[in-house]
Amino acid sequence: MSLELRNINRSFNGKTVIRNVSFRAKQGEIIGLVGTSGSGKSTLLRVISGLDTEYEGQIIMNDKQFEGMNSSISFIFQEPRLFPWLNVLENVTFGLKGSKDEKKGKGLKILEQVGLSDSSELYPRELSGGMAQRVAIARALVTSPEILLLDEPFSALDAFTKMQLQDLLLETWESYHPTIILVTHDIDEAIYLCDRVIILRGKPSEVVKEICFNEPRPRNRTSSQNAIYKADILNSLDLTKT
């Protein structure tokens, strides 16, 4: 599903936070939203998802204007937000339509893809942080969404687990090819995962630059080209002296 934001403005208590934000994401593209704290990245995800409807501008999906919640969109938050009284399989299949056997089959299939086929009967309290976030990824993907929104989904994890889940995200993307919008403060993560980044800056926040990454996947995390991209992003955020 293609996605386009046209002149999105969002104000809170009379103060404009986002001004005239416009960009387009092609079907299956991975777009990163990068900016300093308070630049409205998470607000934009809420607007796209339909959780926030108090904005000005247009959200266009497959060339048609759309407002409100959309079943073709899934959201992965910074924290897993699992139901503690449900086991892993029940968390993944919660809200799915179909017979009990159909839902179980879909749930077990996606759990196998995220490496949790042996953990379906565990409860959230028995999971590590990385396992819990794998469950959150599985829950988001089990409906085969056309658009996947991620709000700093790996920021609370240690470096090694973060890299593992970044690779997992790319593996599942290869299977489903959803259009992904990723909010991240981690520039290295954006360069590794995304096709391009939209850089937001200012108060109110505006799009100041788009940077495309042309290297094929899988990418080398330590390539010299990555250092050039990173310097460009830092310069665009006016952070080269920090």
C-alpha atoms as a PDB file:
ATOM      1  CA  MET A   1       0.000   0.000   0.000  1.00  0.00           C
ATOM      2  CA  SER A   2       1.341   3.432  -0.923  1.00  0.00           C
ATOM      3  CA  LEU A   3       1.092   6.173   1.668  1.00  0.00           C
ATOM      4  CA  GLU A   4       1.218   9.932   1.281  1.00  0.00           C
ATOM      5  CA  LEU A   5       1.089  12.741   3.827  1.00  0.00           C
ATOM      6  CA  ARG A   6      -0.002  16.086   2.436  1.00  0.00           C
ATOM      7  CA  ASN A   7       0.605  19.259   4.421  1.00  0.00           C
ATOM      8  CA  ILE A   8       0.057  17.731   7.854  1.00  0.00           C
ATOM      9  CA  ASN A   9      -0.268  20.272  10.672  1.00  0.00           C
ATOM     10  CA  ARG A  10      -0.865  19.388  14.314  1.00  0.00           C
ATOM     11  CA  SER A  11      -1.323  21.766  17.229  1.00  0.00           C
ATOM     12  CA  PHE A  12      -1.770  21.185  20.958  1.00  0.00           C
ATOM     13  CA  ASN A  13      -3.391  23.858  23.117  1.00  0.00           C
ATOM     14  CA  GLY A  14      -2.915  26.414  20.376  1.00  0.00           C
ATOM     15  CA  LYS A  15       0.780  25.623  19.852  1.00  0.00           C
ATOM     16  CA  THR A  16       1.773  24.206  16.465  1.00  0.00           C
ATOM     17  CA  VAL A  17       4.025  21.141  16.840  1.00  0.00           C
ATOM     18  CA  ILE A  18       4.099  19.917  13.213  1.00  0.00           C
ATOM     19  CA  ARG A  19       3.863  22.233  10.219  1.00  0.00           C
ATOM     20  CA  ASN A  20       3.284  21.330   6.569  1.00  0.00           C
ATOM     21  CA  VAL A  21       4.824  17.866   6.725  1.00  0.00           C
ATOM     22  CA  SER A  22       4.528  16.087   3.392  1.00  0.00           C
ATOM     23  CA  PHE A  23       6.141  12.913   2.060  1.00  0.00           C
ATOM     24  CA  ARG A  24       5.245   9.789   0.116  1.00  0.00           C
ATOM     25  CA  ALA A  25       6.112   6.149   0.807  1.00  0.00           C
ATOM     26  CA  LYS A  26       5.917   3.647  -2.029  1.00  0.00           C
ATOM     27  CA  GLN A  27       4.540   0.137  -1.605  1.00  0.00           C
ATOM     28  CA  GLY A  28       7.017  -1.951   0.396  1.00  0.00           C
ATOM     29  CA  GLU A  29       9.353   0.959   1.157  1.00  0.00           C
ATOM     30  CA  ILE A  30      10.978   1.369   4.580  1.00  0.00           C
ATOM     31  CA  ILE A  31      10.958   5.026   5.636  1.00  0.00           C
ATOM     32  CA  GLY A  32      12.690   6.358   8.743  1.00  0.00           C
ATOM     33  CA  LEU A  33      11.516   9.439  10.632  1.00  0.00           C
ATOM     34  CA  VAL A  34      14.543  11.002  12.315  1.00  0.00           C
ATOM     35  CA  GLY A  35      14.635  14.082  14.508  1.00  0.00           C
ATOM     36  CA  THR A  36      15.509  15.323  17.958  1.00  0.00           C
ATOM     37  CA  SER A  37      13.140  14.811  20.908  1.00  0.00           C
ATOM     38  CA  GLY A  38       9.964  16.816  20.560  1.00  0.00           C
ATOM     39  CA  SER A  39      10.084  16.998  16.766  1.00  0.00           C
ATOM     40  CA  GLY A  40       6.712  15.296  16.365  1.00  0.00           C
ATOM     41  CA  LYS A  41       7.816  11.909  15.049  1.00  0.00           C
ATOM     42  CA  SER A  42       5.523   9.865  17.275  1.00  0.00           C
ATOM     43  CA  THR A  43       2.706  12.344  16.686  1.00  0.00           C
ATOM     44  CA  LEU A  44       2.992  11.679  12.954  1.00  0.00           C
ATOM     45  CA  LEU A  45       2.689   7.929  13.553  1.00  0.00           C
ATOM     46  CA  ARG A  46      -0.469   8.496  15.580  1.00  0.00           C
ATOM     47  CA  VAL A  47      -1.889  10.631  12.773  1.00  0.00           C
ATOM     48  CA  ILE A  48      -1.107   7.954  10.160  1.00  0.00           C
ATOM     49  CA  SER A  49      -2.565   5.190  12.332  1.00  0.00           C
ATOM     50  CA  GLY A  50      -5.815   7.053  12.941  1.00  0.00           C
ATOM     51  CA  LEU A  51      -5.254   7.215  16.703  1.00  0.00           C
ATOM     52  CA  ASP A  52      -5.057  11.012  16.354  1.00  0.00           C
ATOM     53  CA  THR A  53      -7.632  12.716  14.143  1.00  0.00           C
ATOM     54  CA  GLU A  54      -7.206  16.322  15.366  1.00  0.00           C
ATOM     55  CA  TYR A  55      -4.891  17.377  12.556  1.00  0.00           C
ATOM     56  CA  GLU A  56      -5.009  19.451   9.404  1.00  0.00           C
ATOM     57  CA  GLY A  57      -3.979  18.037   6.026  1.00  0.00           C
ATOM     58  CA  GLN A  58      -4.567  14.781   4.218  1.00  0.00           C
ATOM     59  CA  ILE A  59      -3.554  11.141   4.627  1.00  0.00           C
ATOM     60  CA  ILE A  60      -3.635   9.395   1.246  1.00  0.00           C
ATOM     61  CA  MET A  61      -3.523   5.599   0.954  1.00  0.00           C
ATOM     62  CA  ASN A  62      -3.447   4.017  -2.492  1.00  0.00           C
ATOM     63  CA  ASP A  63      -4.365   7.428  -3.945  1.00  0.00           C
ATOM     64  CA  LYS A  64      -7.502   7.780  -1.811  1.00  0.00           C
ATOM     65  CA  GLN A  65      -7.939  10.077   1.185  1.00  0.00           C
ATOM     66  CA  PHE A  66      -8.409   8.181   4.415  1.00  0.00           C
ATOM     67  CA  GLU A  67      -9.441   9.225   7.911  1.00  0.00           C
ATOM     68  CA  GLY A  68      -9.677   7.231  11.129  1.00  0.00           C
ATOM     69  CA  MET A  69      -8.559   3.725  11.993  1.00  0.00           C
ATOM     70  CA  ASN A  70      -7.543   1.335   9.234  1.00  0.00           C
ATOM     71  CA  SER A  71      -7.379  -2.435   9.612  1.00  0.00           C
ATOM     72  CA  SER A  72      -4.548  -2.515   7.059  1.00  0.00           C
ATOM     73  CA  ILE A  73      -2.236  -0.756   9.550  1.00  0.00           C
ATOM     74  CA  SER A  74      -0.394  -2.333  12.505  1.00  0.00           C
ATOM     75  CA  PHE A  75       1.541  -0.493  15.207  1.00  0.00           C
ATOM     76  CA  ILE A  76       4.580  -1.655  17.210  1.00  0.00           C
ATOM     77  CA  PHE A  77       5.319   0.529  20.219  1.00  0.00           C
ATOM     78  CA  GLN A  78       8.500   1.125  22.206  1.00  0.00           C
ATOM     79  CA  GLU A  79       7.295  -1.283  24.889  1.00  0.00           C
ATOM     80  CA  PRO A  80       5.651  -4.631  24.003  1.00  0.00           C
ATOM     81  CA  ARG A  81       2.293  -3.861  25.692  1.00  0.00           C
ATOM     82  CA  LEU A  82       1.412  -7.534  26.119  1.00  0.00           C
ATOM     83  CA  PHE A  83      -1.607  -8.712  28.110  1.00  0.00           C
ATOM     84  CA  PRO A  84      -0.102 -10.272  31.263  1.00  0.00           C
ATOM     85  CA  TRP A  85      -3.010 -12.695  31.740  1.00  0.00           C
ATOM     86  CA  LEU A  86      -2.607 -14.193  28.240  1.00  0.00           C
ATOM     87  CA  ASN A  87       0.152 -16.524  27.093  1.00  0.00           C
ATOM     88  CA  VAL A  88       2.334 -15.791  24.060  1.00  0.00           C
ATOM     89  CA  LEU A  89       0.058 -17.487  21.520  1.00  0.00           C
ATOM     90  CA  GLU A  90      -3.046 -15.846  22.984  1.00  0.00           C
ATOM     91  CA  ASN A  91      -1.364 -12.432  22.856  1.00  0.00           C
ATOM     92  CA  VAL A  92      -0.438 -12.907  19.208  1.00  0.00           C
ATOM     93  CA  THR A  93      -3.894 -14.085  18.140  1.00  0.00           C
ATOM     94  CA  PHE A  94      -5.898 -11.672  20.289  1.00  0.00           C
ATOM     95  CA  GLY A  95      -8.470  -9.939  18.099  1.00  0.00           C
ATOM     96  CA  LEU A  96      -7.966 -12.228  15.090  1.00  0.00           C
ATOM     97  CA  LYS A  97     -11.093 -13.319  13.260  1.00  0.00           C
ATOM     98  CA  GLY A  98     -11.814 -16.928  12.336  1.00  0.00           C
ATOM     99  CA  SER A  99     -12.212 -20.261  14.065  1.00  0.00           C
ATOM    100  CA  LYS A 100     -10.073 -21.266  17.027  1.00  0.00           C
ATOM    101  CA  ASP A 101      -8.035 -23.632  14.861  1.00  0.00           C
ATOM    102  CA  GLU A 102      -7.529 -20.985  12.142  1.00  0.00           C
ATOM    103  CA  LYS A 103      -6.299 -18.436  14.659  1.00  0.00           C
ATOM    104  CA  LYS A 104      -4.015 -20.959  16.332  1.00  0.00           C
ATOM    105  CA  GLY A 105      -2.543 -21.954  12.980  1.00  0.00           C
ATOM    106  CA  LYS A 106      -1.793 -18.339  12.028  1.00  0.00           C
ATOM    107  CA  GLY A 107      -0.341 -17.647  15.459  1.00  0.00           C
ATOM    108  CA  LEU A 108       1.968 -20.660  15.468  1.00  0.00           C
ATOM    109  CA  LYS A 109       3.175 -19.885  11.946  1.00  0.00           C
ATOM    110  CA  ILE A 110       4.207 -16.325  12.785  1.00  0.00           C
ATOM    111  CA  LEU A 111       5.757 -17.419  16.101  1.00  0.00           C
ATOM    112  CA  GLU A 112       7.947 -19.843  14.168  1.00  0.00           C
ATOM    113  CA  GLN A 113       9.033 -16.992  11.896  1.00  0.00           C
ATOM    114  CA  VAL A 114      10.111 -14.848  14.856  1.00  0.00           C
ATOM    115  CA  GLY A 115      11.887 -17.724  16.591  1.00  0.00           C
ATOM    116  CA  LEU A 116       9.363 -18.358  19.366  1.00  0.00           C
ATOM    117  CA  SER A 117       7.760 -21.621  18.281  1.00  0.00           C
ATOM    118  CA  ASP A 118       8.803 -23.251  21.590  1.00  0.00           C
ATOM    119  CA  SER A 119       7.486 -20.373  23.712  1.00  0.00           C
ATOM    120  CA  SER A 120       3.824 -20.234  22.741  1.00  0.00           C
ATOM    121  CA  GLU A 121       2.558 -21.224  26.203  1.00  0.00           C
ATOM    122  CA  LEU A 122       4.787 -18.887  28.202  1.00  0.00           C
ATOM    123  CA  TYR A 123       3.378 -15.783  29.886  1.00  0.00           C
ATOM    124  CA  PRO A 124       4.816 -12.257  29.559  1.00  0.00           C
ATOM    125  CA  ARG A 125       6.393 -12.406  33.024  1.00  0.00           C
ATOM    126  CA  GLU A 126       8.487 -15.375  31.825  1.00  0.00           C
ATOM    127  CA  LEU A 127       9.921 -13.551  28.796  1.00  0.00           C
ATOM    128  CA  SER A 128      13.090 -11.535  28.375  1.00  0.00           C
ATOM    129  CA  GLY A 129      12.807  -8.056  26.903  1.00  0.00           C
ATOM    130  CA  GLY A 130      13.892  -9.292  23.502  1.00  0.00           C
ATOM    131  CA  MET A 131      11.428 -12.180  23.548  1.00  0.00           C
ATOM    132  CA  ALA A 132       8.592  -9.874  24.558  1.00  0.00           C
ATOM    133  CA  GLN A 133       9.346  -7.559  21.657  1.00  0.00           C
ATOM    134  CA  ARG A 134       9.430 -10.545  19.296  1.00  0.00           C
ATOM    135  CA  VAL A 135       5.901 -11.325  20.493  1.00  0.00           C
ATOM    136  CA  ALA A 136       4.900  -7.723  19.761  1.00  0.00           C
ATOM    137  CA  ILE A 137       6.351  -8.035  16.244  1.00  0.00           C
ATOM    138  CA  ALA A 138       4.500 -11.317  15.715  1.00  0.00           C
ATOM    139  CA  ARG A 139       1.230  -9.783  16.930  1.00  0.00           C
ATOM    140  CA  ALA A 140       1.641  -6.884  14.491  1.00  0.00           C
ATOM    141  CA  LEU A 141       2.438  -9.158  11.535  1.00  0.00           C
ATOM    142  CA  VAL A 142      -0.134 -11.898  12.107  1.00  0.00           C
ATOM    143  CA  THR A 143      -2.800  -9.808  10.356  1.00  0.00           C
ATOM    144  CA  SER A 144      -0.544  -9.344   7.287  1.00  0.00           C
ATOM    145  CA  PRO A 145      -0.715  -5.527   7.484  1.00  0.00           C
ATOM    146  CA  GLU A 146      -0.077  -3.413   4.427  1.00  0.00           C
ATOM    147  CA  ILE A 147       1.443  -0.634   6.539  1.00  0.00           C
ATOM    148  CA  LEU A 148       3.560  -1.236   9.642  1.00  0.00           C
ATOM    149  CA  LEU A 149       4.281   1.648  12.011  1.00  0.00           C
ATOM    150  CA  LEU A 150       7.144   1.315  14.505  1.00  0.00           C
ATOM    151  CA  ASP A 151       7.750   3.801  17.320  1.00  0.00           C
ATOM    152  CA  GLU A 152      11.325   3.209  18.539  1.00  0.00           C
ATOM    153  CA  PRO A 153      10.607  -0.507  18.962  1.00  0.00           C
ATOM    154  CA  PHE A 154      14.154  -1.523  19.962  1.00  0.00           C
ATOM    155  CA  SER A 155      15.310   1.466  22.008  1.00  0.00           C
ATOM    156  CA  ALA A 156      14.916  -0.247  25.393  1.00  0.00           C
ATOM    157  CA  LEU A 157      16.973  -3.298  24.418  1.00  0.00           C
ATOM    158  CA  ASP A 158      20.677  -4.015  24.758  1.00  0.00           C
ATOM    159  CA  ALA A 159      22.857  -3.531  21.681  1.00  0.00           C
ATOM    160  CA  PHE A 160      23.142  -7.205  20.728  1.00  0.00           C
ATOM    161  CA  THR A 161      19.415  -7.924  21.104  1.00  0.00           C
ATOM    162  CA  LYS A 162      18.655  -4.760  19.149  1.00  0.00           C
ATOM    163  CA  MET A 163      20.777  -5.923  16.215  1.00  0.00           C
ATOM    164  CA  GLN A 164      19.151  -9.358  16.270  1.00  0.00           C
ATOM    165  CA  LEU A 165      15.670  -7.838  16.150  1.00  0.00           C
ATOM    166  CA  GLN A 166      16.653  -5.414  13.406  1.00  0.00           C
ATOM    167  CA  ASP A 167      17.664  -8.424  11.306  1.00  0.00           C
ATOM    168  CA  LEU A 168      14.436 -10.191  12.294  1.00  0.00           C
ATOM    169  CA  LEU A 169      12.430  -7.180  11.139  1.00  0.00           C
ATOM    170  CA  LEU A 170      14.133  -7.283   7.748  1.00  0.00           C
ATOM    171  CA  GLU A 171      13.554 -11.038   7.457  1.00  0.00           C
ATOM    172  CA  THR A 172       9.828 -10.686   8.146  1.00  0.00           C
ATOM    173  CA  TRP A 173       9.678  -7.680   5.809  1.00  0.00           C
ATOM    174  CA  GLU A 174      11.065  -9.913   3.063  1.00  0.00           C
ATOM    175  CA  SER A 175       8.147 -12.303   3.646  1.00  0.00           C
ATOM    176  CA  TYR A 176       5.312  -9.755   3.864  1.00  0.00           C
ATOM    177  CA  HIS A 177       6.680  -6.576   2.198  1.00  0.00           C
ATOM    178  CA  PRO A 178       4.582  -4.108   4.170  1.00  0.00           C
ATOM    179  CA  THR A 179       5.253  -0.410   3.810  1.00  0.00           C
ATOM    180  CA  ILE A 180       7.135   0.504   7.004  1.00  0.00           C
ATOM    181  CA  ILE A 181       7.368   3.859   8.761  1.00  0.00           C
ATOM    182  CA  LEU A 182      10.000   3.709  11.513  1.00  0.00           C
ATOM    183  CA  VAL A 183      10.529   6.350  14.185  1.00  0.00           C
ATOM    184  CA  THR A 184      14.016   6.120  15.650  1.00  0.00           C
ATOM    185  CA  HIS A 185      16.613   8.204  17.478  1.00  0.00           C
ATOM    186  CA  ASP A 186      19.271   5.683  16.459  1.00  0.00           C
ATOM    187  CA  ILE A 187      20.908   6.982  13.273  1.00  0.00           C
ATOM    188  CA  ASP A 188      22.843   3.748  12.730  1.00  0.00           C
ATOM    189  CA  GLU A 189      19.562   1.832  12.943  1.00  0.00           C
ATOM    190  CA  ALA A 190      17.941   4.125  10.377  1.00  0.00           C
ATOM    191  CA  ILE A 191      20.839   3.681   7.944  1.00  0.00           C
ATOM    192  CA  TYR A 192      20.824  -0.103   8.390  1.00  0.00           C
ATOM    193  CA  LEU A 193      17.070  -0.620   8.010  1.00  0.00           C
ATOM    194  CA  CYS A 194      15.652   2.125   5.836  1.00  0.00           C
ATOM    195  CA  ASP A 195      15.469   2.907   2.149  1.00  0.00           C
ATOM    196  CA  ARG A 196      15.497   6.598   3.051  1.00  0.00           C
ATOM    197  CA  VAL A 197      14.988   8.904   6.008  1.00  0.00           C
ATOM    198  CA  ILE A 198      12.808  11.961   6.466  1.00  0.00           C
ATOM    199  CA  ILE A 199      14.583  14.448   8.732  1.00  0.00           C
ATOM    200  CA  LEU A 200      12.431  16.656  10.963  1.00  0.00           C
ATOM    201  CA  ARG A 201      13.681  19.749  12.732  1.00  0.00           C
ATOM    202  CA  GLY A 202      12.503  22.988  14.268  1.00  0.00           C
ATOM    203  CA  LYS A 203       9.705  24.234  16.504  1.00  0.00           C
ATOM    204  CA  PRO A 204       7.274  23.749  14.939  1.00  0.00           C
ATOM    205  CA  SER A 205       8.797  20.738  13.251  1.00  0.00           C
ATOM    206  CA  GLU A 206       9.173  20.643   9.468  1.00  0.00           C
ATOM    207  CA  VAL A 207      10.800  18.345   6.923  1.00  0.00           C
ATOM    208  CA  VAL A 208      14.283  19.747   6.315  1.00  0.00           C
ATOM    209  CA  LYS A 209      15.765  16.969   4.190  1.00  0.00           C
ATOM    210  CA  GLU A 210      15.321  13.483   2.730  1.00  0.00           C
ATOM    211  CA  ILE A 211      18.315  11.166   2.392  1.00  0.00           C
ATOM    212  CA  CYS A 212      18.221   7.977   0.307  1.00  0.00           C
ATOM    213  CA  PHE A 213      20.359   4.912   1.056  1.00  0.00           C
ATOM    214  CA  ASN A 214      21.216   3.093  -2.144  1.00  0.00           C
ATOM    215  CA  GLU A 215      23.188   0.133  -0.796  1.00  0.00           C
ATOM    216  CA  PRO A 216      21.528  -3.271  -1.295  1.00  0.00           C
ATOM    217  CA  ARG A 217      20.594  -5.412   1.696  1.00  0.00           C
ATOM    218  CA  PRO A 218      22.055  -7.023   3.727  1.00  0.00           C
ATOM    219  CA  ARG A 219      24.151  -3.975   4.563  1.00  0.00           C
ATOM    220  CA  ASN A 220      27.507  -3.719   6.270  1.00  0.00           C
ATOM    221  CA  ARG A 221      26.926  -1.948   9.580  1.00  0.00           C
ATOM    222  CA  THR A 222      30.471  -0.531   9.595  1.00  0.00           C
ATOM    223  CA  SER A 223      30.936   0.530   5.975  1.00  0.00           C
ATOM    224  CA  SER A 224      32.627   3.820   5.143  1.00  0.00           C
ATOM    225  CA  GLN A 225      29.488   4.871   3.237  1.00  0.00           C
ATOM    226  CA  ASN A 226      27.475   4.590   6.450  1.00  0.00           C
ATOM    227  CA  ALA A 227      29.805   7.119   8.077  1.00  0.00           C
ATOM    228  CA  ILE A 228      29.104   9.545   5.227  1.00  0.00           C
ATOM    229  CA  TYR A 229      25.340   9.065   5.613  1.00  0.00           C
ATOM    230  CA  LYS A 230      25.592   9.539   9.375  1.00  0.00           C
ATOM    231  CA  ALA A 231      27.542  12.773   9.010  1.00  0.00           C
ATOM    232  CA  ASP A 232      24.931  14.056   6.558  1.00  0.00           C
ATOM    233  CA  ILE A 233      22.103  13.282   8.986  1.00  0.00           C
ATOM    234  CA  LEU A 234      23.890  14.870  11.936  1.00  0.00           C
ATOM    235  CA  ASN A 235      24.619  17.945   9.865  1.00  0.00           C
ATOM    236  CA  SER A 236      20.955  18.178   8.829  1.00  0.00           C
ATOM    237  CA  LEU A 237      19.961  18.015  12.495  1.00  0.00           C
ATOM    238  CA  ASP A 238      22.591  20.641  13.351  1.00  0.00           C
ATOM    239  CA  LEU A 239      24.280  18.167  15.711  1.00  0.00           C
ATOM    240  CA  THR A 240      27.757  18.024  14.215  1.00  0.00           C
ATOM    241  CA  LYS A 241      29.258  19.797  17.253  1.00  0.00           C
ATOM    242  CA  THR A 242      27.673  17.523  19.843  1.00  0.00           C
END
